[in-house]
Structures are given as C-alpha cells and as structure tokens.
C-alpha cells in the first residue's frame, strides 16, 4: 500500500462521508448512520496511515512501519465491527475487544516502538533487548484478549484482561531493559555502544529472571483474587502474600534494568553517579512497597497510623528522587549522542600536502599540489545521514537519498557532477 493509494482511499472515504452525512440528516435510517460511521472510520485510519506508508519508489517496508500500519488496520476493523455490532470473539460483545485493543494495544505499541526503530540500524548489539520488547509487547495484548475470551461476562473479563496485560507489559519493560546488559559488541563505527562488563551481564540475567518472577507471581495473585471475589469472599480481605514476593521480584528486576540501560551511554563521571543513585533509590522504594504488601497480606488496613503516614511520605520522597535521577541520566545520554551536521553538500576541503606541507583549499575532484606536483583525487560519501544520523554505510551506491528522512546523500558521482 503506497502513500498515493492511501490518499486516494482517504479522498474516497471523505466523499462517501459527505454523501452519507447529508443522507442521514434527511433519512434517519440506522443503516445510513452505520455506513457513515464506517466511512469516517476508514477516513480517520487512512489519515493516520499516511505518514507511515511508503512512497512510490520506496522498497520493502521495515518492521516498524509494518507494525504501525498493521495496528492501525486492526483498529479500523475492530471499530467497524462495533459500528455494525459484529462480535469479534465468540460470546463477547463487540465493544470489549475494541476497548482492550486500544487500552492495552496503545501502551504495548509505545513499548515496542523504541525496539522497532532500533532494528532499523545495522548494529545488532541490542538484538536480545529488541526481540524481548517486540515479542513481549505482542504477548501482553494476546494475554488481554485471551482473558477476555475466557471470562466473557461483561466487565469481569475486561478488567482482568487489562490487569493481566499490564502485568505482562511491565515485566516486558523490565526484561527488555535488563537485556541491554547482555548486548553483543557494537559494530557502529560512529557512536558505538559501551561494551558490556561482567557486572552488566550478571545484572542482565538477574533482571530477566526477576521479570519472569514478577509476571508469574502477579498473574497468579490476580487470578486468585478474581476467583476469591467470585466465590463471595468478605470484604475487606487480606491481600495475597504473593504480591509481596512479586513486588520484591519487580524491585530486583527494575534495579537491574535501570543499571543496564544507563550503562549503554559513553558518558562516564556524572552518569555513573546518577546510575548508582537511581539503582539505590529504586531498591529502597521497592523495599518500602514490599513491606506494605507483607503487612496488608497479614490483615487489611484499618486506620492510618503515624508510621503509615511516614511510609507514605518516604515513598513519595524516594519516588521524586528516583524520577529526577533517571530524567537527568537520560538527558545526559541524549546530549552525549553524536551531533547532527547541517552543512550539506561539502564542496571543498582544507588540505595539507603530506609530501611538502603546502596548505590549500581544494575542490572535489582532481588536484595537483602547487609545491611538489603531487596529484590527489578527492571525493566524499555519506556513511551517516547528516540530517537524522541514519547509518548509510550498508546502503547500495544507487540509493541517493536517506531511507529515513529523505535527505539527499552526498556521493562521489553526484559531487563530481
């Protein structure tokens, strides 16, 4: 589906919407309103698809664009099914799958997008982390749909499906962040990732195991509480002790994930301090929440005491410090990235003759030194896009524009012409 075809569909959908809108005003038929809703849905979906659709001369779509286009197409189908009241799942009303698709699908897509964009690069150092984020985000959406199918009674399946989906999604974020500690040696020639140390690898495996423990324990505790409520348990009821173990596992995994993710940067002195602060504060915050879960598992909370108030204040203070440390660390990582160069194309070079040290400003092409008659041939080629930083060194010489942003690529043939 090219961008031209997307715009044609958009124009057809807008025309149909106008005709059906006028018809619905004067002929109040339910089928007319449904056709209008279908046309508007198609128009809005194609409008969102346009930035991700390929141009006429573009090659095969990468995984990022295919995923976004696929999600938008699924959203269109689910919305049209609601408009026509067509059940997407057996024994489930049409609106519940649509709600799960949006409420859980959009966060899952947000989690997968950084990994999908990272896969555009030729450097495969973060292949494990990328795969974990992409497949894990997809699994969270599948879990939500399966829960809705297993518990089709209105809000029960919808609520537990969202909870289970977000539990899986949280574990995926922890696992993908921890998997950055298992990175392979970087092959990027311009801005290589910092090599993984032995501590990074230990933290990576520990974070993956802890993330799996969080997912399993939290899902069991959620299902257990659902069936306890269904059986008519009295309220308030003590919280399952499994939540304490799940919170402890999430704390370990999150601390490992933060340490591994911040270890990607080449910034050393200030970032190392912020990395230690963020890990330490995360462990302290997790310890407080684990204690709260243990206490609530012994008996339901009654009136708040002074100690409970102190724990709440301590949690908020630790959360503020942790957020500030992480935000500062990511800002430093962003500032340390390779700068983008605006001057393009390059048509001259300040050159010093290696034989006689004569200095000169020489143009692209052939040049003869005025001091010793040494002949040189000068040409340039963009191996990294000066506009967006996209790695171009693996692109064929026939590719004259950046596949990412479309900026003209400086090549010897183009420069000498």
Protein backbone atom coordinates (compact mmCIF):
# COMPACT_ATOMS: atom_id res chain seq x y z
CA UNK A 1 0.00 0.00 0.00
CA UNK A 2 1.74 3.17 -1.19
CA UNK A 3 1.15 6.69 0.10
CA UNK A 4 -0.61 7.64 -3.12
CA UNK A 5 -3.08 4.77 -2.68
CA UNK A 6 -3.66 5.76 0.96
CA UNK A 7 -4.55 9.31 -0.07
CA UNK A 8 -6.91 8.03 -2.76
CA UNK A 9 -8.71 5.88 -0.20
CA UNK A 10 -8.85 8.92 2.11
CA UNK A 11 -10.45 11.06 -0.59
CA UNK A 12 -12.99 8.35 -1.42
CA UNK A 13 -13.84 7.91 2.27
CA UNK A 14 -14.28 11.66 2.74
CA UNK A 15 -16.56 11.87 -0.28
CA UNK A 16 -18.61 8.93 0.98
CA UNK A 17 -18.79 10.53 4.44
CA UNK A 18 -20.15 13.77 2.98
CA UNK A 19 -22.81 11.99 0.91
CA UNK A 20 -23.84 9.66 3.73
CA UNK A 21 -23.86 12.53 6.25
CA UNK A 22 -26.30 14.53 4.17
CA UNK A 23 -28.42 11.42 3.55
CA UNK A 24 -28.53 10.58 7.26
CA UNK A 25 -29.77 14.07 8.12
CA UNK A 26 -32.84 13.76 5.86
CA UNK A 27 -33.36 9.98 6.03
CA UNK A 28 -32.93 8.80 9.58
CA UNK A 29 -32.10 5.16 8.80
CA UNK A 30 -29.88 3.10 11.07
CA UNK A 31 -28.04 1.55 8.14
CA UNK A 32 -27.19 5.02 6.82
CA UNK A 33 -25.65 6.03 10.14
CA UNK A 34 -23.65 2.80 10.22
CA UNK A 35 -22.37 3.41 6.73
CA UNK A 36 -21.43 6.93 7.78
CA UNK A 37 -19.56 5.58 10.82
CA UNK A 38 -17.71 3.12 8.58
CA UNK A 39 -16.70 5.84 6.12
CA UNK A 40 -15.50 8.15 8.90
CA UNK A 41 -13.51 5.31 10.50
CA UNK A 42 -11.80 4.49 7.20
CA UNK A 43 -11.05 8.18 6.58
CA UNK A 44 -9.51 8.71 10.01
CA UNK A 45 -7.49 5.47 9.79
CA UNK A 46 -6.04 6.30 6.38
CA UNK A 47 -5.15 9.77 7.62
CA UNK A 48 -3.12 8.19 10.42
CA UNK A 49 -1.56 5.68 7.99
CA UNK A 50 -0.29 8.33 5.57
CA UNK A 51 2.96 9.22 7.44
CA UNK A 52 3.96 5.52 7.64
CA UNK A 53 3.01 4.46 4.10
CA UNK A 54 5.88 4.10 1.61
CA UNK A 55 6.44 6.38 -1.34
CA UNK A 56 6.15 5.29 -4.95
CA UNK A 57 9.85 4.48 -5.32
CA UNK A 58 10.34 3.01 -1.82
CA UNK A 59 11.36 -0.60 -1.34
CA UNK A 60 10.12 -3.09 1.19
CA UNK A 61 8.68 -1.68 4.40
CA UNK A 62 10.70 -2.20 7.56
CA UNK A 63 9.27 -3.86 10.66
CA UNK A 64 8.45 -0.56 12.37
CA UNK A 65 6.22 0.73 9.58
CA UNK A 66 4.60 -2.67 9.04
CA UNK A 67 3.75 -2.91 12.74
CA UNK A 68 2.21 0.56 12.91
CA UNK A 69 0.23 0.05 9.71
CA UNK A 70 -0.94 -3.36 10.92
CA UNK A 71 -2.10 -1.95 14.25
CA UNK A 72 -3.99 0.87 12.54
CA UNK A 73 -5.62 -1.60 10.15
CA UNK A 74 -6.67 -3.80 13.10
CA UNK A 75 -8.06 -0.75 14.87
CA UNK A 76 -10.13 0.09 11.80
CA UNK A 77 -11.54 -3.45 11.61
CA UNK A 78 -12.38 -3.50 15.33
CA UNK A 79 -14.10 -0.10 15.15
CA UNK A 80 -16.15 -1.08 12.11
CA UNK A 81 -17.18 -4.28 13.94
CA UNK A 82 -18.51 -2.14 16.80
CA UNK A 83 -20.35 0.14 14.37
CA UNK A 84 -22.09 -2.88 12.84
CA UNK A 85 -22.39 -4.73 16.17
CA UNK A 86 -20.42 -7.74 14.89
CA UNK A 87 -18.77 -9.87 17.63
CA UNK A 88 -15.04 -10.30 17.09
CA UNK A 89 -14.80 -13.05 19.74
CA UNK A 90 -17.35 -15.80 20.48
CA UNK A 91 -19.82 -14.89 23.24
CA UNK A 92 -18.22 -11.46 23.70
CA UNK A 93 -19.84 -8.16 22.81
CA UNK A 94 -18.09 -6.25 20.05
CA UNK A 95 -17.10 -3.28 22.21
CA UNK A 96 -14.99 -5.23 24.75
CA UNK A 97 -12.29 -6.43 22.31
CA UNK A 98 -12.12 -2.89 20.93
CA UNK A 99 -11.54 -1.45 24.41
CA UNK A 100 -8.82 -4.00 25.18
CA UNK A 101 -7.28 -3.35 21.74
CA UNK A 102 -6.95 0.37 22.48
CA UNK A 103 -6.38 0.47 26.25
CA UNK A 104 -3.74 -2.26 26.11
CA UNK A 105 -2.60 -2.06 22.48
CA UNK A 106 -1.50 1.57 22.53
CA UNK A 107 0.80 1.13 25.59
CA UNK A 108 2.13 -2.09 24.06
CA UNK A 109 2.90 -0.23 20.83
CA UNK A 110 4.66 2.52 22.80
CA UNK A 111 6.85 -0.12 24.49
CA UNK A 112 7.68 -1.80 21.18
CA UNK A 113 8.38 1.38 19.17
CA UNK A 114 11.93 2.05 20.54
CA UNK A 115 12.91 -1.54 19.75
CA UNK A 116 11.32 -1.36 16.30
CA UNK A 117 13.18 1.84 15.49
CA UNK A 118 16.44 0.41 16.83
CA UNK A 119 16.11 -2.54 14.45
CA UNK A 120 16.47 -0.13 11.54
CA UNK A 121 20.16 0.21 12.31
CA UNK A 122 22.80 -2.19 11.04
CA UNK A 123 24.20 -2.61 14.55
CA UNK A 124 22.76 -5.79 16.07
CA UNK A 125 24.29 -5.36 19.53
CA UNK A 126 20.86 -5.00 21.19
CA UNK A 127 19.12 -7.81 19.31
CA UNK A 128 18.09 -9.62 22.54
CA UNK A 129 16.60 -6.49 24.09
CA UNK A 130 14.83 -5.57 20.85
CA UNK A 131 13.29 -9.02 20.45
CA UNK A 132 12.20 -9.09 24.09
CA UNK A 133 10.40 -5.75 23.78
CA UNK A 134 8.72 -6.54 20.45
CA UNK A 135 7.52 -10.06 21.21
CA UNK A 136 6.71 -9.22 24.84
CA UNK A 137 4.50 -6.28 23.83
CA UNK A 138 2.66 -8.56 21.43
CA UNK A 139 2.27 -11.19 24.17
CA UNK A 140 0.70 -8.66 26.55
CA UNK A 141 -2.01 -7.88 24.01
CA UNK A 142 -2.62 -11.59 23.38
CA UNK A 143 -2.93 -12.23 27.14
CA UNK A 144 -5.53 -9.47 27.45
CA UNK A 145 -7.59 -10.91 24.59
CA UNK A 146 -7.36 -14.46 25.94
CA UNK A 147 -8.54 -13.30 29.38
CA UNK A 148 -11.48 -11.56 27.72
CA UNK A 149 -12.31 -14.76 25.85
CA UNK A 150 -12.03 -16.92 28.99
CA UNK A 151 -14.18 -14.57 31.10
CA UNK A 152 -16.80 -13.15 28.73
CA UNK A 153 -19.12 -11.81 31.44
CA UNK A 154 -19.04 -8.12 30.68
CA UNK A 155 -16.66 -6.17 32.94
CA UNK A 156 -15.05 -9.23 34.60
CA UNK A 157 -13.12 -10.31 31.52
CA UNK A 158 -12.35 -6.73 30.50
CA UNK A 159 -10.91 -5.76 33.89
CA UNK A 160 -8.86 -8.88 34.47
CA UNK A 161 -7.69 -8.82 30.86
CA UNK A 162 -6.34 -5.29 31.27
CA UNK A 163 -4.71 -6.10 34.61
CA UNK A 164 -3.01 -9.24 33.29
CA UNK A 165 -1.95 -7.44 30.13
CA UNK A 166 -0.36 -4.57 32.04
CA UNK A 167 1.37 -7.05 34.37
CA UNK A 168 2.96 -8.72 31.36
CA UNK A 169 3.77 -5.33 29.81
CA UNK A 170 5.50 -4.15 32.99
CA UNK A 171 7.56 -7.34 33.07
CA UNK A 172 8.46 -6.83 29.41
CA UNK A 173 9.80 -3.32 30.14
CA UNK A 174 11.93 -4.72 32.99
CA UNK A 175 13.13 -7.67 30.89
CA UNK A 176 13.98 -5.57 27.83
CA UNK A 177 15.87 -3.01 29.93
CA UNK A 178 17.80 -5.79 31.67
CA UNK A 179 18.56 -7.49 28.35
CA UNK A 180 20.60 -4.43 27.33
CA UNK A 181 23.21 -5.77 29.75
CA UNK A 182 23.53 -8.85 27.52
CA UNK A 183 24.45 -6.77 24.48
CA UNK A 184 26.93 -8.00 21.92
CA UNK A 185 29.97 -5.93 20.85
CA UNK A 186 28.81 -2.87 18.90
CA UNK A 187 29.62 -2.62 15.20
CA UNK A 188 28.62 1.05 14.90
CA UNK A 189 31.62 2.99 13.60
CA UNK A 190 30.31 6.43 14.57
CA UNK A 191 28.72 6.10 18.00
CA UNK A 192 29.40 2.58 19.33
CA UNK A 193 27.67 1.42 22.50
CA UNK A 194 29.75 0.99 25.61
CA UNK A 195 30.88 -2.65 25.88
CA UNK A 196 29.06 -4.84 28.38
CA UNK A 197 31.01 -5.67 31.53
CA UNK A 198 30.78 -8.81 33.65
CA UNK A 199 28.59 -6.89 36.13
CA UNK A 200 26.26 -5.87 33.27
CA UNK A 201 25.83 -9.49 32.22
CA UNK A 202 25.10 -10.65 35.75
CA UNK A 203 22.58 -7.82 36.18
CA UNK A 204 21.05 -8.66 32.79
CA UNK A 205 20.40 -12.30 33.64
CA UNK A 206 19.20 -11.37 37.14
CA UNK A 207 16.79 -8.81 35.70
CA UNK A 208 15.38 -11.29 33.17
CA UNK A 209 14.78 -13.91 35.89
CA UNK A 210 13.23 -11.31 38.22
CA UNK A 211 10.96 -10.02 35.44
CA UNK A 212 9.72 -13.56 34.80
CA UNK A 213 9.08 -13.99 38.54
CA UNK A 214 7.09 -10.74 38.65
CA UNK A 215 4.90 -11.80 35.72
CA UNK A 216 4.15 -15.30 37.08
CA UNK A 217 3.56 -14.28 40.71
CA UNK A 218 1.49 -11.19 39.92
CA UNK A 219 -0.69 -13.05 37.42
CA UNK A 220 -1.34 -15.88 39.89
CA UNK A 221 -2.23 -13.37 42.62
CA UNK A 222 -4.59 -11.52 40.27
CA UNK A 223 -6.41 -14.66 39.13
CA UNK A 224 -6.58 -15.92 42.72
CA UNK A 225 -8.20 -12.70 43.90
CA UNK A 226 -10.67 -12.77 40.99
CA UNK A 227 -11.90 -16.25 41.87
CA UNK A 228 -11.94 -15.35 45.56
CA UNK A 229 -14.29 -12.47 44.83
CA UNK A 230 -16.37 -14.65 42.54
CA UNK A 231 -16.79 -17.14 45.38
CA UNK A 232 -18.28 -14.41 47.60
CA UNK A 233 -15.34 -13.62 49.87
CA UNK A 234 -15.98 -10.99 52.53
CA UNK A 235 -14.54 -7.53 52.05
CA UNK A 236 -12.14 -6.16 53.04
CA UNK A 237 -9.94 -9.23 52.67
CA UNK A 238 -6.22 -9.59 53.32
CA UNK A 239 -4.03 -9.23 50.23
CA UNK A 240 -2.29 -12.34 48.94
CA UNK A 241 1.27 -12.81 50.18
CA UNK A 242 2.19 -13.46 46.55
CA UNK A 243 2.05 -9.69 45.95
CA UNK A 244 4.91 -9.21 48.41
CA UNK A 245 7.09 -11.71 46.53
CA UNK A 246 6.01 -10.21 43.20
CA UNK A 247 6.92 -6.69 44.37
CA UNK A 248 10.31 -7.90 45.58
CA UNK A 249 10.95 -9.56 42.22
CA UNK A 250 9.90 -6.41 40.37
CA UNK A 251 12.22 -4.33 42.56
CA UNK A 252 15.23 -6.53 41.77
CA UNK A 253 14.38 -6.61 38.08
CA UNK A 254 13.78 -2.86 37.85
CA UNK A 255 17.05 -2.05 39.63
CA UNK A 256 18.93 -4.36 37.26
CA UNK A 257 17.12 -2.88 34.25
CA UNK A 258 17.94 0.69 35.25
CA UNK A 259 21.59 -0.18 35.81
CA UNK A 260 21.88 -1.96 32.44
CA UNK A 261 20.01 0.72 30.48
CA UNK A 262 22.11 3.56 31.88
CA UNK A 263 25.23 1.53 31.16
CA UNK A 264 24.62 1.99 27.42
CA UNK A 265 25.93 5.53 27.46
CA UNK A 266 29.51 6.61 26.83
CA UNK A 267 29.15 9.34 29.48
CA UNK A 268 31.16 8.32 32.49
CA UNK A 269 31.67 10.52 35.55
CA UNK A 270 28.28 12.25 36.07
CA UNK A 271 26.22 9.39 34.67
CA UNK A 272 27.94 6.77 36.84
CA UNK A 273 26.88 8.75 39.94
CA UNK A 274 23.29 9.09 38.74
CA UNK A 275 23.22 5.40 37.82
CA UNK A 276 24.18 4.39 41.36
CA UNK A 277 21.68 6.82 42.87
CA UNK A 278 18.82 5.56 40.69
CA UNK A 279 19.56 1.90 41.46
CA UNK A 280 19.91 2.51 45.21
CA UNK A 281 16.73 4.60 45.44
CA UNK A 282 14.79 2.04 43.39
CA UNK A 283 15.83 -0.73 45.79
CA UNK A 284 14.85 1.40 48.79
CA UNK A 285 11.48 2.27 47.26
CA UNK A 286 10.83 -1.38 46.41
CA UNK A 287 11.70 -2.39 49.98
CA UNK A 288 9.10 0.03 51.34
CA UNK A 289 6.41 -1.26 48.96
CA UNK A 290 7.33 -4.88 49.73
CA UNK A 291 6.88 -4.19 53.44
CA UNK A 292 3.50 -2.61 52.73
CA UNK A 293 2.45 -5.70 50.75
CA UNK A 294 3.58 -8.03 53.57
CA UNK A 295 1.64 -6.03 56.12
CA UNK A 296 -1.52 -5.90 54.01
CA UNK A 297 -1.29 -9.69 53.47
CA UNK A 298 -1.49 -10.28 57.23
CA UNK A 299 -4.59 -8.14 57.75
CA UNK A 300 -6.49 -5.48 55.80
CA UNK A 301 -5.54 -1.91 56.55
CA UNK A 302 -7.60 -0.08 59.11
CA UNK A 303 -6.99 3.47 60.21
CA UNK A 304 -3.73 5.06 59.20
CA UNK A 305 -1.16 5.37 61.97
CA UNK A 306 1.76 7.74 62.22
CA UNK A 307 4.09 5.05 60.88
CA UNK A 308 1.84 4.51 57.85
CA UNK A 309 1.89 8.24 57.17
CA UNK A 310 5.70 8.22 57.44
CA UNK A 311 5.90 5.33 54.96
CA UNK A 312 3.71 7.26 52.52
CA UNK A 313 5.87 10.38 52.80
CA UNK A 314 9.04 8.30 52.42
CA UNK A 315 7.62 6.60 49.28
CA UNK A 316 6.78 9.94 47.67
CA UNK A 317 10.22 11.37 48.54
CA UNK A 318 12.04 8.33 47.13
CA UNK A 319 9.88 8.41 44.00
CA UNK A 320 10.75 12.09 43.42
CA UNK A 321 14.49 11.44 43.83
CA UNK A 322 14.34 8.37 41.57
CA UNK A 323 12.44 10.23 38.85
CA UNK A 324 14.85 13.18 38.98
CA UNK A 325 17.91 10.90 38.79
CA UNK A 326 16.51 8.95 35.85
CA UNK A 327 15.42 12.07 33.97
CA UNK A 328 18.84 13.67 34.46
CA UNK A 329 20.61 10.50 33.35
CA UNK A 330 18.57 10.21 30.15
CA UNK A 331 19.13 13.91 29.39
CA UNK A 332 22.89 13.37 29.71
CA UNK A 333 22.66 10.32 27.45
CA UNK A 334 20.76 12.37 24.88
CA UNK A 335 23.29 15.19 24.99
CA UNK A 336 26.14 12.71 24.52
CA UNK A 337 24.80 11.43 21.20
CA UNK A 338 26.69 12.26 18.03
CA UNK A 339 25.76 15.77 16.79
CA UNK A 340 23.89 16.23 13.57
CA UNK A 341 25.73 18.20 10.86
CA UNK A 342 23.81 20.81 8.90
CA UNK A 343 26.26 21.79 6.13
CA UNK A 344 25.49 19.78 3.01
CA UNK A 345 26.89 19.13 0.48
CA UNK A 346 30.65 19.53 1.10
CA UNK A 347 32.36 21.03 -1.95
CA UNK A 348 35.86 21.89 -0.67
CA UNK A 349 38.49 20.69 1.78
CA UNK A 350 41.28 22.43 3.74
CA UNK A 351 44.22 20.21 2.78
CA UNK A 352 47.90 19.96 3.75
CA UNK A 353 50.16 18.16 1.30
CA UNK A 354 51.70 15.13 3.06
CA UNK A 355 54.89 15.50 0.95
CA UNK A 356 55.79 19.19 1.11
CA UNK A 357 53.29 20.52 3.71
CA UNK A 358 51.81 23.09 1.28
CA UNK A 359 48.39 24.21 2.51
CA UNK A 360 45.48 24.77 0.12
CA UNK A 361 41.68 24.79 -0.15
CA UNK A 362 40.94 22.16 -2.80
CA UNK A 363 37.68 21.35 -4.53
CA UNK A 364 36.20 17.92 -5.11
CA UNK A 365 37.84 16.04 -7.93
CA UNK A 366 41.46 16.01 -9.08
CA UNK A 367 44.00 18.41 -7.56
CA UNK A 368 47.74 18.90 -8.15
CA UNK A 369 49.86 20.32 -5.32
CA UNK A 370 51.46 23.64 -6.30
CA UNK A 371 54.56 22.86 -4.24
CA UNK A 372 55.57 19.36 -5.33
CA UNK A 373 53.08 18.44 -8.09
CA UNK A 374 51.60 15.57 -6.06
CA UNK A 375 48.28 14.62 -7.70
CA UNK A 376 45.33 13.65 -5.48
CA UNK A 377 41.71 12.66 -6.14
CA UNK A 378 39.14 13.94 -3.61
CA UNK A 379 35.61 12.56 -3.23
CA UNK A 380 33.07 12.33 -0.42
CA UNK A 381 30.41 9.79 0.54
CA UNK A 382 27.83 9.97 3.34
CA UNK A 383 28.02 6.88 5.53
CA UNK A 384 25.74 8.55 8.09
CA UNK A 385 22.93 10.91 7.21
CA UNK A 386 23.91 14.44 8.32
CA UNK A 387 20.26 15.25 8.95
CA UNK A 388 18.95 12.37 11.08
CA UNK A 389 22.02 10.24 11.80
CA UNK A 390 20.75 7.14 9.95
CA UNK A 391 23.54 4.62 9.23
CA UNK A 392 24.07 4.56 5.45
CA UNK A 393 27.28 2.59 5.08
CA UNK A 394 25.44 -0.64 4.17
CA UNK A 395 23.22 1.09 1.60
CA UNK A 396 23.93 0.48 -2.14
CA UNK A 397 25.56 3.30 -4.07
CA UNK A 398 22.38 3.66 -6.13
CA UNK A 399 20.49 4.88 -3.03
CA UNK A 400 20.85 8.64 -3.38
CA UNK A 401 18.51 9.63 -0.54
CA UNK A 402 18.39 8.71 3.14
CA UNK A 403 15.72 5.98 3.63
CA UNK A 404 14.82 7.50 6.99
CA UNK A 405 14.32 11.22 6.31
CA UNK A 406 14.71 11.53 2.51
CA UNK A 407 17.66 13.92 2.66
CA UNK A 408 19.97 13.88 -0.38
CA UNK A 409 23.02 11.70 0.16
CA UNK A 410 26.42 13.05 -0.86
CA UNK A 411 28.05 10.55 -3.25
CA UNK A 412 31.20 10.82 -5.44
CA UNK A 413 29.22 10.69 -8.69
CA UNK A 414 26.82 13.38 -7.55
CA UNK A 415 29.55 15.57 -6.08
CA UNK A 416 31.81 15.49 -9.17
CA UNK A 417 28.87 16.08 -11.48
